[in-house]
Amino acid sequence: MAWQRKIPFGYTMKNGETLCCPTESAAVKEIFRLYSEGMAYSKIADEMMLRGIPYHKHTSQWNKHMVKRILENERYLGEKEYPPIIEPAIFMDVQLIKGDKNTYTPCPDYIKPIREKAVCGVCGGRMLRDTRASKKVRWYCEKEGCTNRRYIEDEDTRAALTERLDALAQNPILLDWPLPQHGGELTLDAARIQNEVIRELNKAEPGTEYTKMLILACAAEKYSGLPDYTPYHQMQRLKEQITSQPMDDDFRNRTFRTAVREIQLTDGGLGLRLINGKALESAGKEIGKCLQQQSGR
């Protein structure tokens, strides 16, 4: 349940008067100090939980949004009935820092699909993009403890992806995918429904509507147990087309959407992992085995 505080964190009510809560007001000052020294919202939230300071009485959990609201709350300056907790100069300094951190280069449209598929080539975690470090474009792994970082301009990222897709076009065998096989075994639910159909049909007077419903349910359950052949057929069509038409931007985009599951970013460059488990390293070498063995995913 999402609990809401009736008054801002840092204050308490006593006999109808708003007063500073000693523990919470000290935490507010500490949050402003930590942020001014460079600590991120999420790390400050972790620190508050580590210190055992509850945001409200219902839970000890903190998150980055709680920290952000505190840093933006002008009531700490002594607004209206609220006594001051933060000095104006400190509050202003924090707002200026926040403004600087929010200055970033907008993400180009051609990078957005790349962000959706970008993973760490070291640990398999999701790669995030920002421009907060000296206004440079930075890709970094979101996993705690992973130090994979890469500074690369967006145009260079697009050029690297173009080179990988062109290399894929020169090696269409990488698009091979054995036809998915279905063992023919019924799922437990399909077998159960099928047995119920048989029992109903063996009755002297089976219920027509109920029998119909069972038959349709059994058919639906059997269908849901079949392999999904769509990716296989899409890869087959792509393989046929890739050898018969030029690799222009439109076809590269189609190849990217159809065949690429992940873009792996490392200091060594940009690699592709395909939906069939095969991959191209940044140097163009084929990896025949699924990278799940490397990343543990």
C-alpha atoms as a PDB file:
ATOM      1  CA  MET A   1       0.000   0.000   0.000  1.00  0.00           C
ATOM      2  CA  ALA A   2       1.324   3.484  -0.881  1.00  0.00           C
ATOM      3  CA  TRP A   3       1.240   5.405   2.416  1.00  0.00           C
ATOM      4  CA  GLN A   4       1.242   9.212   2.286  1.00  0.00           C
ATOM      5  CA  ARG A   5       2.626  11.566   4.925  1.00  0.00           C
ATOM      6  CA  LYS A   6       0.261  14.254   6.150  1.00  0.00           C
ATOM      7  CA  ILE A   7       3.115  16.683   6.759  1.00  0.00           C
ATOM      8  CA  PRO A   8       6.550  16.815   5.088  1.00  0.00           C
ATOM      9  CA  PHE A   9       9.369  14.632   6.342  1.00  0.00           C
ATOM     10  CA  GLY A  10      11.291  16.546   9.001  1.00  0.00           C
ATOM     11  CA  TYR A  11       8.270  17.920  10.835  1.00  0.00           C
ATOM     12  CA  THR A  12       5.807  16.755  13.464  1.00  0.00           C
ATOM     13  CA  MET A  13       2.534  18.084  14.856  1.00  0.00           C
ATOM     14  CA  LYS A  14       2.070  18.832  18.562  1.00  0.00           C
ATOM     15  CA  ASN A  15      -1.026  20.499  19.976  1.00  0.00           C
ATOM     16  CA  GLY A  16      -1.901  21.749  16.499  1.00  0.00           C
ATOM     17  CA  GLU A  17       1.526  23.352  15.974  1.00  0.00           C
ATOM     18  CA  THR A  18       4.056  22.303  13.343  1.00  0.00           C
ATOM     19  CA  LEU A  19       7.447  21.613  14.920  1.00  0.00           C
ATOM     20  CA  CYS A  20      10.752  20.211  13.751  1.00  0.00           C
ATOM     21  CA  CYS A  21      11.151  16.506  14.462  1.00  0.00           C
ATOM     22  CA  PRO A  22      14.718  16.224  15.829  1.00  0.00           C
ATOM     23  CA  THR A  23      15.532  12.896  14.160  1.00  0.00           C
ATOM     24  CA  GLU A  24      13.902  13.677  10.842  1.00  0.00           C
ATOM     25  CA  SER A  25      15.142  17.272  10.578  1.00  0.00           C
ATOM     26  CA  ALA A  26      18.687  16.020  11.185  1.00  0.00           C
ATOM     27  CA  ALA A  27      18.121  13.482   8.384  1.00  0.00           C
ATOM     28  CA  VAL A  28      16.919  16.269   6.067  1.00  0.00           C
ATOM     29  CA  LYS A  29      20.147  18.196   6.684  1.00  0.00           C
ATOM     30  CA  GLU A  30      22.147  15.038   6.060  1.00  0.00           C
ATOM     31  CA  ILE A  31      20.309  14.379   2.779  1.00  0.00           C
ATOM     32  CA  PHE A  32      21.152  17.889   1.546  1.00  0.00           C
ATOM     33  CA  ARG A  33      24.784  17.400   2.598  1.00  0.00           C
ATOM     34  CA  LEU A  34      25.135  14.005   0.915  1.00  0.00           C
ATOM     35  CA  TYR A  35      23.599  15.251  -2.306  1.00  0.00           C
ATOM     36  CA  SER A  36      25.807  18.347  -2.393  1.00  0.00           C
ATOM     37  CA  GLU A  37      28.820  16.015  -2.066  1.00  0.00           C
ATOM     38  CA  GLY A  38      27.756  14.072  -5.157  1.00  0.00           C
ATOM     39  CA  MET A  39      25.733  11.140  -3.812  1.00  0.00           C
ATOM     40  CA  ALA A  40      22.879  10.000  -6.092  1.00  0.00           C
ATOM     41  CA  TYR A  41      19.221   9.855  -5.038  1.00  0.00           C
ATOM     42  CA  SER A  42      19.151   6.056  -4.876  1.00  0.00           C
ATOM     43  CA  LYS A  43      22.367   5.892  -2.843  1.00  0.00           C
ATOM     44  CA  ILE A  44      21.004   8.435  -0.363  1.00  0.00           C
ATOM     45  CA  ALA A  45      17.833   6.345  -0.053  1.00  0.00           C
ATOM     46  CA  ASP A  46      19.991   3.298   0.696  1.00  0.00           C
ATOM     47  CA  GLU A  47      21.915   5.290   3.299  1.00  0.00           C
ATOM     48  CA  MET A  48      18.714   6.345   5.085  1.00  0.00           C
ATOM     49  CA  MET A  49      17.572   2.724   5.279  1.00  0.00           C
ATOM     50  CA  LEU A  50      21.019   1.645   6.464  1.00  0.00           C
ATOM     51  CA  ARG A  51      20.799   4.172   9.288  1.00  0.00           C
ATOM     52  CA  GLY A  52      17.351   2.919  10.246  1.00  0.00           C
ATOM     53  CA  ILE A  53      15.567   6.236   9.673  1.00  0.00           C
ATOM     54  CA  PRO A  54      11.960   5.523   8.579  1.00  0.00           C
ATOM     55  CA  TYR A  55      10.365   7.823   6.032  1.00  0.00           C
ATOM     56  CA  HIS A  56       7.062   7.331   7.863  1.00  0.00           C
ATOM     57  CA  LYS A  57       5.817   5.023  10.583  1.00  0.00           C
ATOM     58  CA  HIS A  58       4.323   2.436   8.231  1.00  0.00           C
ATOM     59  CA  THR A  59       7.559   1.361   6.555  1.00  0.00           C
ATOM     60  CA  SER A  60      11.318   1.845   6.758  1.00  0.00           C
ATOM     61  CA  GLN A  61      11.653   1.690   2.964  1.00  0.00           C
ATOM     62  CA  TRP A  62      13.075   4.643   1.028  1.00  0.00           C
ATOM     63  CA  ASN A  63      13.339   5.297  -2.700  1.00  0.00           C
ATOM     64  CA  LYS A  64      14.891   7.925  -4.920  1.00  0.00           C
ATOM     65  CA  HIS A  65      11.573   9.756  -5.387  1.00  0.00           C
ATOM     66  CA  MET A  66      11.313  10.405  -1.642  1.00  0.00           C
ATOM     67  CA  VAL A  67      14.818  11.872  -1.646  1.00  0.00           C
ATOM     68  CA  LYS A  68      14.039  14.025  -4.685  1.00  0.00           C
ATOM     69  CA  ARG A  69      10.905  15.448  -3.047  1.00  0.00           C
ATOM     70  CA  ILE A  70      12.886  16.376   0.056  1.00  0.00           C
ATOM     71  CA  LEU A  71      15.564  18.158  -1.968  1.00  0.00           C
ATOM     72  CA  GLU A  72      12.911  20.176  -3.827  1.00  0.00           C
ATOM     73  CA  ASN A  73      10.714  21.087  -0.827  1.00  0.00           C
ATOM     74  CA  GLU A  74      10.850  24.847  -0.188  1.00  0.00           C
ATOM     75  CA  ARG A  75       9.082  24.420   3.155  1.00  0.00           C
ATOM     76  CA  TYR A  76      12.475  23.610   4.667  1.00  0.00           C
ATOM     77  CA  LEU A  77      13.357  27.282   4.198  1.00  0.00           C
ATOM     78  CA  GLY A  78      10.641  28.228   6.707  1.00  0.00           C
ATOM     79  CA  GLU A  79       7.628  28.615   4.407  1.00  0.00           C
ATOM     80  CA  LYS A  80       4.267  29.499   6.026  1.00  0.00           C
ATOM     81  CA  GLU A  81       3.747  27.625   9.306  1.00  0.00           C
ATOM     82  CA  TYR A  82       6.843  25.426   8.873  1.00  0.00           C
ATOM     83  CA  PRO A  83       9.959  26.295  10.911  1.00  0.00           C
ATOM     84  CA  PRO A  84      13.222  26.457   8.898  1.00  0.00           C
ATOM     85  CA  ILE A  85      15.499  23.419   8.649  1.00  0.00           C
ATOM     86  CA  ILE A  86      17.759  24.263   5.690  1.00  0.00           C
ATOM     87  CA  GLU A  87      19.647  27.522   5.219  1.00  0.00           C
ATOM     88  CA  PRO A  88      18.758  29.418   2.006  1.00  0.00           C
ATOM     89  CA  ALA A  89      22.328  29.274   0.659  1.00  0.00           C
ATOM     90  CA  ILE A  90      22.469  25.470   1.058  1.00  0.00           C
ATOM     91  CA  PHE A  91      19.042  25.033  -0.540  1.00  0.00           C
ATOM     92  CA  MET A  92      20.030  27.229  -3.509  1.00  0.00           C
ATOM     93  CA  ASP A  93      23.328  25.384  -3.995  1.00  0.00           C
ATOM     94  CA  VAL A  94      21.495  22.057  -4.180  1.00  0.00           C
ATOM     95  CA  GLN A  95      19.004  23.409  -6.729  1.00  0.00           C
ATOM     96  CA  LEU A  96      21.899  24.662  -8.884  1.00  0.00           C
ATOM     97  CA  ILE A  97      23.560  21.241  -8.688  1.00  0.00           C
ATOM     98  CA  LYS A  98      20.275  19.596  -9.702  1.00  0.00           C
ATOM     99  CA  GLY A  99      19.983  21.998 -12.618  1.00  0.00           C
ATOM    100  CA  ASP A 100      23.481  21.144 -13.814  1.00  0.00           C
ATOM    101  CA  LYS A 101      22.763  17.416 -13.591  1.00  0.00           C
ATOM    102  CA  ASN A 102      19.607  17.846 -15.635  1.00  0.00           C
ATOM    103  CA  THR A 103      21.561  19.460 -18.459  1.00  0.00           C
ATOM    104  CA  TYR A 104      22.032  16.735 -21.018  1.00  0.00           C
ATOM    105  CA  THR A 105      22.112  16.118 -24.718  1.00  0.00           C
ATOM    106  CA  PRO A 106      18.712  14.837 -25.891  1.00  0.00           C
ATOM    107  CA  CYS A 107      18.732  11.226 -27.015  1.00  0.00           C
ATOM    108  CA  PRO A 108      18.414  11.053 -30.824  1.00  0.00           C
ATOM    109  CA  ASP A 109      15.557   8.977 -32.205  1.00  0.00           C
ATOM    110  CA  TYR A 110      17.980   6.526 -33.833  1.00  0.00           C
ATOM    111  CA  ILE A 111      19.541   5.744 -30.440  1.00  0.00           C
ATOM    112  CA  LYS A 112      16.265   4.844 -28.711  1.00  0.00           C
ATOM    113  CA  PRO A 113      15.952   1.358 -30.322  1.00  0.00           C
ATOM    114  CA  ILE A 114      19.588   0.731 -29.409  1.00  0.00           C
ATOM    115  CA  ARG A 115      18.895   1.613 -25.767  1.00  0.00           C
ATOM    116  CA  GLU A 116      16.099  -0.944 -25.670  1.00  0.00           C
ATOM    117  CA  LYS A 117      18.487  -3.777 -26.619  1.00  0.00           C
ATOM    118  CA  ALA A 118      21.772  -2.606 -25.083  1.00  0.00           C
ATOM    119  CA  VAL A 119      23.316  -4.990 -22.528  1.00  0.00           C
ATOM    120  CA  CYS A 120      26.659  -5.200 -20.768  1.00  0.00           C
ATOM    121  CA  GLY A 121      29.105  -7.407 -22.632  1.00  0.00           C
ATOM    122  CA  VAL A 122      30.837  -8.198 -19.312  1.00  0.00           C
ATOM    123  CA  CYS A 123      28.032  -9.286 -16.970  1.00  0.00           C
ATOM    124  CA  GLY A 124      24.875  -9.238 -19.095  1.00  0.00           C
ATOM    125  CA  GLY A 125      23.206  -6.417 -17.149  1.00  0.00           C
ATOM    126  CA  ARG A 126      21.277  -3.641 -18.813  1.00  0.00           C
ATOM    127  CA  MET A 127      23.349  -0.777 -20.234  1.00  0.00           C
ATOM    128  CA  LEU A 128      22.101   2.750 -19.549  1.00  0.00           C
ATOM    129  CA  ARG A 129      22.939   5.948 -21.421  1.00  0.00           C
ATOM    130  CA  ASP A 130      23.374   9.446 -20.025  1.00  0.00           C
ATOM    131  CA  THR A 131      25.330  12.631 -20.687  1.00  0.00           C
ATOM    132  CA  ARG A 132      25.879  13.789 -17.123  1.00  0.00           C
ATOM    133  CA  ALA A 133      29.628  13.180 -17.065  1.00  0.00           C
ATOM    134  CA  SER A 134      31.133  16.360 -18.545  1.00  0.00           C
ATOM    135  CA  LYS A 135      28.260  16.437 -21.067  1.00  0.00           C
ATOM    136  CA  LYS A 136      29.774  13.382 -22.773  1.00  0.00           C
ATOM    137  CA  VAL A 137      27.623  10.468 -23.869  1.00  0.00           C
ATOM    138  CA  ARG A 138      28.231   7.618 -21.459  1.00  0.00           C
ATOM    139  CA  TRP A 139      26.987   4.032 -21.497  1.00  0.00           C
ATOM    140  CA  TYR A 140      27.275   2.209 -18.173  1.00  0.00           C
ATOM    141  CA  CYS A 141      26.087  -1.050 -16.635  1.00  0.00           C
ATOM    142  CA  GLU A 142      23.278  -0.745 -14.106  1.00  0.00           C
ATOM    143  CA  LYS A 143      24.429  -3.773 -12.069  1.00  0.00           C
ATOM    144  CA  GLU A 144      25.991  -3.064  -8.710  1.00  0.00           C
ATOM    145  CA  GLY A 145      29.718  -3.697  -8.772  1.00  0.00           C
ATOM    146  CA  CYS A 146      30.110  -3.833 -12.557  1.00  0.00           C
ATOM    147  CA  THR A 147      32.577  -1.226 -13.794  1.00  0.00           C
ATOM    148  CA  ASN A 148      31.785  -1.485 -17.500  1.00  0.00           C
ATOM    149  CA  ARG A 149      31.734   2.083 -18.859  1.00  0.00           C
ATOM    150  CA  ARG A 150      31.980   3.354 -22.383  1.00  0.00           C
ATOM    151  CA  TYR A 151      32.187   6.944 -23.635  1.00  0.00           C
ATOM    152  CA  ILE A 152      31.170   7.143 -27.269  1.00  0.00           C
ATOM    153  CA  GLU A 153      29.331   9.703 -29.371  1.00  0.00           C
ATOM    154  CA  ASP A 154      25.887   8.721 -30.631  1.00  0.00           C
ATOM    155  CA  GLU A 155      26.973   8.952 -34.263  1.00  0.00           C
ATOM    156  CA  ASP A 156      29.841   6.577 -33.551  1.00  0.00           C
ATOM    157  CA  THR A 157      27.443   4.137 -31.882  1.00  0.00           C
ATOM    158  CA  ARG A 158      25.228   4.213 -34.952  1.00  0.00           C
ATOM    159  CA  ALA A 159      28.240   3.734 -37.224  1.00  0.00           C
ATOM    160  CA  ALA A 160      29.388   0.729 -35.177  1.00  0.00           C
ATOM    161  CA  LEU A 161      25.923  -0.831 -35.360  1.00  0.00           C
ATOM    162  CA  THR A 162      25.816  -0.229 -39.124  1.00  0.00           C
ATOM    163  CA  GLU A 163      29.172  -1.986 -39.493  1.00  0.00           C
ATOM    164  CA  ARG A 164      27.924  -4.978 -37.468  1.00  0.00           C
ATOM    165  CA  LEU A 165      24.722  -5.264 -39.507  1.00  0.00           C
ATOM    166  CA  ASP A 166      26.706  -5.074 -42.748  1.00  0.00           C
ATOM    167  CA  ALA A 167      28.985  -7.827 -41.411  1.00  0.00           C
ATOM    168  CA  LEU A 168      25.888  -9.898 -40.688  1.00  0.00           C
ATOM    169  CA  ALA A 169      24.748  -9.410 -44.272  1.00  0.00           C
ATOM    170  CA  GLN A 170      28.070 -10.836 -45.415  1.00  0.00           C
ATOM    171  CA  ASN A 171      27.505 -13.904 -43.206  1.00  0.00           C
ATOM    172  CA  PRO A 172      23.840 -14.872 -43.741  1.00  0.00           C
ATOM    173  CA  ILE A 173      24.589 -18.357 -42.406  1.00  0.00           C
ATOM    174  CA  LEU A 174      24.403 -16.761 -38.962  1.00  0.00           C
ATOM    175  CA  LEU A 175      20.664 -16.397 -39.532  1.00  0.00           C
ATOM    176  CA  ASP A 176      20.190 -20.164 -39.729  1.00  0.00           C
ATOM    177  CA  TRP A 177      17.735 -21.520 -37.205  1.00  0.00           C
ATOM    178  CA  PRO A 178      16.562 -25.141 -37.012  1.00  0.00           C
ATOM    179  CA  LEU A 179      12.823 -25.529 -37.407  1.00  0.00           C
ATOM    180  CA  PRO A 180      11.331 -25.724 -33.895  1.00  0.00           C
ATOM    181  CA  GLN A 181      10.134 -29.232 -33.121  1.00  0.00           C
ATOM    182  CA  HIS A 182       7.057 -30.222 -31.175  1.00  0.00           C
ATOM    183  CA  GLY A 183       7.282 -33.473 -29.276  1.00  0.00           C
ATOM    184  CA  GLY A 184       3.548 -34.074 -29.483  1.00  0.00           C
ATOM    185  CA  GLU A 185       3.079 -34.494 -25.741  1.00  0.00           C
ATOM    186  CA  LEU A 186      -0.017 -32.954 -24.220  1.00  0.00           C
ATOM    187  CA  THR A 187       0.336 -30.451 -21.433  1.00  0.00           C
ATOM    188  CA  LEU A 188      -1.183 -31.462 -18.111  1.00  0.00           C
ATOM    189  CA  ASP A 189      -4.037 -28.999 -18.581  1.00  0.00           C
ATOM    190  CA  ALA A 190      -4.723 -30.230 -22.119  1.00  0.00           C
ATOM    191  CA  ALA A 191      -4.792 -33.851 -20.931  1.00  0.00           C
ATOM    192  CA  ARG A 192      -7.103 -32.963 -18.049  1.00  0.00           C
ATOM    193  CA  ILE A 193      -9.536 -31.112 -20.319  1.00  0.00           C
ATOM    194  CA  GLN A 194      -9.399 -33.882 -22.915  1.00  0.00           C
ATOM    195  CA  ASN A 195     -10.284 -36.461 -20.248  1.00  0.00           C
ATOM    196  CA  GLU A 196     -13.179 -34.295 -19.171  1.00  0.00           C
ATOM    197  CA  VAL A 197     -14.408 -34.161 -22.787  1.00  0.00           C
ATOM    198  CA  ILE A 198     -14.306 -37.960 -22.964  1.00  0.00           C
ATOM    199  CA  ARG A 199     -16.200 -38.296 -19.684  1.00  0.00           C
ATOM    200  CA  GLU A 200     -18.836 -35.867 -20.851  1.00  0.00           C
ATOM    201  CA  LEU A 201     -19.277 -37.601 -24.219  1.00  0.00           C
ATOM    202  CA  ASN A 202     -19.669 -40.969 -22.468  1.00  0.00           C
ATOM    203  CA  LYS A 203     -22.681 -39.719 -20.565  1.00  0.00           C
ATOM    204  CA  ALA A 204     -26.126 -40.840 -21.698  1.00  0.00           C
ATOM    205  CA  GLU A 205     -27.098 -37.208 -22.261  1.00  0.00           C
ATOM    206  CA  PRO A 206     -23.995 -35.008 -22.493  1.00  0.00           C
ATOM    207  CA  GLY A 207     -24.534 -31.291 -22.032  1.00  0.00           C
ATOM    208  CA  THR A 208     -24.263 -29.718 -25.476  1.00  0.00           C
ATOM    209  CA  GLU A 209     -23.010 -26.273 -24.429  1.00  0.00           C
ATOM    210  CA  TYR A 210     -20.678 -27.629 -21.757  1.00  0.00           C
ATOM    211  CA  THR A 211     -19.202 -30.167 -24.184  1.00  0.00           C
ATOM    212  CA  LYS A 212     -18.718 -27.440 -26.776  1.00  0.00           C
ATOM    213  CA  MET A 213     -16.935 -25.279 -24.222  1.00  0.00           C
ATOM    214  CA  LEU A 214     -14.673 -28.174 -23.215  1.00  0.00           C
ATOM    215  CA  ILE A 215     -13.743 -28.979 -26.816  1.00  0.00           C
ATOM    216  CA  LEU A 216     -12.860 -25.338 -27.534  1.00  0.00           C
ATOM    217  CA  ALA A 217     -10.867 -25.089 -24.298  1.00  0.00           C
ATOM    218  CA  CYS A 218      -8.982 -28.298 -25.142  1.00  0.00           C
ATOM    219  CA  ALA A 219      -8.173 -27.019 -28.633  1.00  0.00           C
ATOM    220  CA  ALA A 220      -6.949 -23.700 -27.221  1.00  0.00           C
ATOM    221  CA  GLU A 221      -4.743 -25.451 -24.664  1.00  0.00           C
ATOM    222  CA  LYS A 222      -3.243 -27.745 -27.309  1.00  0.00           C
ATOM    223  CA  TYR A 223      -2.543 -24.750 -29.555  1.00  0.00           C
ATOM    224  CA  SER A 224      -0.832 -22.851 -26.724  1.00  0.00           C
ATOM    225  CA  GLY A 225       1.585 -25.783 -26.317  1.00  0.00           C
ATOM    226  CA  LEU A 226       2.834 -25.551 -29.903  1.00  0.00           C
ATOM    227  CA  PRO A 227       6.194 -23.864 -30.595  1.00  0.00           C
ATOM    228  CA  ASP A 228       6.109 -20.283 -31.868  1.00  0.00           C
ATOM    229  CA  TYR A 229       7.194 -20.589 -35.490  1.00  0.00           C
ATOM    230  CA  THR A 230       6.952 -16.846 -36.199  1.00  0.00           C
ATOM    231  CA  PRO A 231      10.595 -15.937 -35.382  1.00  0.00           C
ATOM    232  CA  TYR A 232      11.809 -18.920 -37.419  1.00  0.00           C
ATOM    233  CA  HIS A 233       9.865 -17.874 -40.520  1.00  0.00           C
ATOM    234  CA  GLN A 234      10.911 -14.227 -40.070  1.00  0.00           C
ATOM    235  CA  MET A 235      14.580 -15.256 -39.990  1.00  0.00           C
ATOM    236  CA  GLN A 236      14.120 -17.470 -43.052  1.00  0.00           C
ATOM    237  CA  ARG A 237      12.580 -14.605 -45.038  1.00  0.00           C
ATOM    238  CA  LEU A 238      15.297 -12.257 -43.862  1.00  0.00           C
ATOM    239  CA  LYS A 239      18.010 -14.688 -44.942  1.00  0.00           C
ATOM    240  CA  GLU A 240      16.476 -14.919 -48.420  1.00  0.00           C
ATOM    241  CA  GLN A 241      16.186 -11.138 -48.732  1.00  0.00           C
ATOM    242  CA  ILE A 242      19.623 -10.335 -47.356  1.00  0.00           C
ATOM    243  CA  THR A 243      21.311 -12.110 -50.252  1.00  0.00           C
ATOM    244  CA  SER A 244      19.172 -10.500 -52.927  1.00  0.00           C
ATOM    245  CA  GLN A 245      18.916  -6.806 -52.092  1.00  0.00           C
ATOM    246  CA  PRO A 246      21.255  -3.968 -51.090  1.00  0.00           C
ATOM    247  CA  MET A 247      21.808  -3.224 -47.414  1.00  0.00           C
ATOM    248  CA  ASP A 248      20.335   0.282 -47.234  1.00  0.00           C
ATOM    249  CA  ASP A 249      19.190   2.043 -44.043  1.00  0.00           C
ATOM    250  CA  ASP A 250      15.643   0.747 -44.307  1.00  0.00           C
ATOM    251  CA  PHE A 251      16.785  -2.859 -44.660  1.00  0.00           C
ATOM    252  CA  ARG A 252      19.309  -2.447 -41.831  1.00  0.00           C
ATOM    253  CA  ASN A 253      16.506  -1.238 -39.554  1.00  0.00           C
ATOM    254  CA  ARG A 254      14.369  -4.230 -40.526  1.00  0.00           C
ATOM    255  CA  THR A 255      17.267  -6.611 -39.928  1.00  0.00           C
ATOM    256  CA  PHE A 256      17.915  -5.020 -36.556  1.00  0.00           C
ATOM    257  CA  ARG A 257      14.284  -5.338 -35.453  1.00  0.00           C
ATOM    258  CA  THR A 258      13.902  -8.907 -36.710  1.00  0.00           C
ATOM    259  CA  ALA A 259      17.203 -10.636 -35.999  1.00  0.00           C
ATOM    260  CA  VAL A 260      18.939  -8.813 -33.125  1.00  0.00           C
ATOM    261  CA  ARG A 261      18.037  -9.653 -29.537  1.00  0.00           C
ATOM    262  CA  GLU A 262      20.806  -7.745 -27.764  1.00  0.00           C
ATOM    263  CA  ILE A 263      23.549  -5.213 -28.433  1.00  0.00           C
ATOM    264  CA  GLN A 264      26.557  -5.970 -26.248  1.00  0.00           C
ATOM    265  CA  LEU A 265      28.701  -3.003 -25.241  1.00  0.00           C
ATOM    266  CA  THR A 266      32.231  -3.349 -23.892  1.00  0.00           C
ATOM    267  CA  ASP A 267      35.437  -1.352 -24.011  1.00  0.00           C
ATOM    268  CA  GLY A 268      36.325  -3.466 -27.035  1.00  0.00           C
ATOM    269  CA  GLY A 269      33.361  -2.256 -29.059  1.00  0.00           C
ATOM    270  CA  LEU A 270      29.852  -3.279 -30.003  1.00  0.00           C
ATOM    271  CA  GLY A 271      28.679  -6.834 -30.650  1.00  0.00           C
ATOM    272  CA  LEU A 272      25.354  -8.365 -31.624  1.00  0.00           C
ATOM    273  CA  ARG A 273      23.509 -11.305 -30.155  1.00  0.00           C
ATOM    274  CA  LEU A 274      20.851 -12.716 -32.492  1.00  0.00           C
ATOM    275  CA  ILE A 275      17.498 -14.201 -31.533  1.00  0.00           C
ATOM    276  CA  ASN A 276      18.786 -17.665 -32.518  1.00  0.00           C
ATOM    277  CA  GLY A 277      21.577 -17.452 -29.908  1.00  0.00           C
ATOM    278  CA  LYS A 278      24.427 -16.777 -32.355  1.00  0.00           C
ATOM    279  CA  ALA A 279      26.398 -13.569 -32.146  1.00  0.00           C
ATOM    280  CA  LEU A 280      28.973 -11.300 -33.735  1.00  0.00           C
ATOM    281  CA  GLU A 281      31.744  -9.905 -31.592  1.00  0.00           C
ATOM    282  CA  SER A 282      32.926  -6.369 -32.212  1.00  0.00           C
ATOM    283  CA  ALA A 283      35.759  -7.739 -34.351  1.00  0.00           C
ATOM    284  CA  GLY A 284      33.321  -9.736 -36.484  1.00  0.00           C
ATOM    285  CA  LYS A 285      34.032 -13.184 -35.078  1.00  0.00           C
ATOM    286  CA  GLU A 286      31.084 -15.535 -34.876  1.00  0.00           C
ATOM    287  CA  ILE A 287      30.154 -16.953 -31.495  1.00  0.00           C
ATOM    288  CA  GLY A 288      28.340 -20.195 -32.078  1.00  0.00           C
ATOM    289  CA  LYS A 289      27.293 -20.811 -28.502  1.00  0.00           C
ATOM    290  CA  CYS A 290      24.601 -18.845 -26.775  1.00  0.00           C
ATOM    291  CA  LEU A 291      26.077 -16.101 -24.578  1.00  0.00           C
ATOM    292  CA  GLN A 292      23.913 -17.234 -21.698  1.00  0.00           C
ATOM    293  CA  GLN A 293      26.905 -19.359 -20.675  1.00  0.00           C
ATOM    294  CA  GLN A 294      29.051 -16.247 -20.335  1.00  0.00           C
ATOM    295  CA  SER A 295      26.570 -13.973 -18.598  1.00  0.00           C
ATOM    296  CA  GLY A 296      24.834 -16.600 -16.497  1.00  0.00           C
ATOM    297  CA  ARG A 297      21.481 -15.392 -17.770  1.00  0.00           C
END
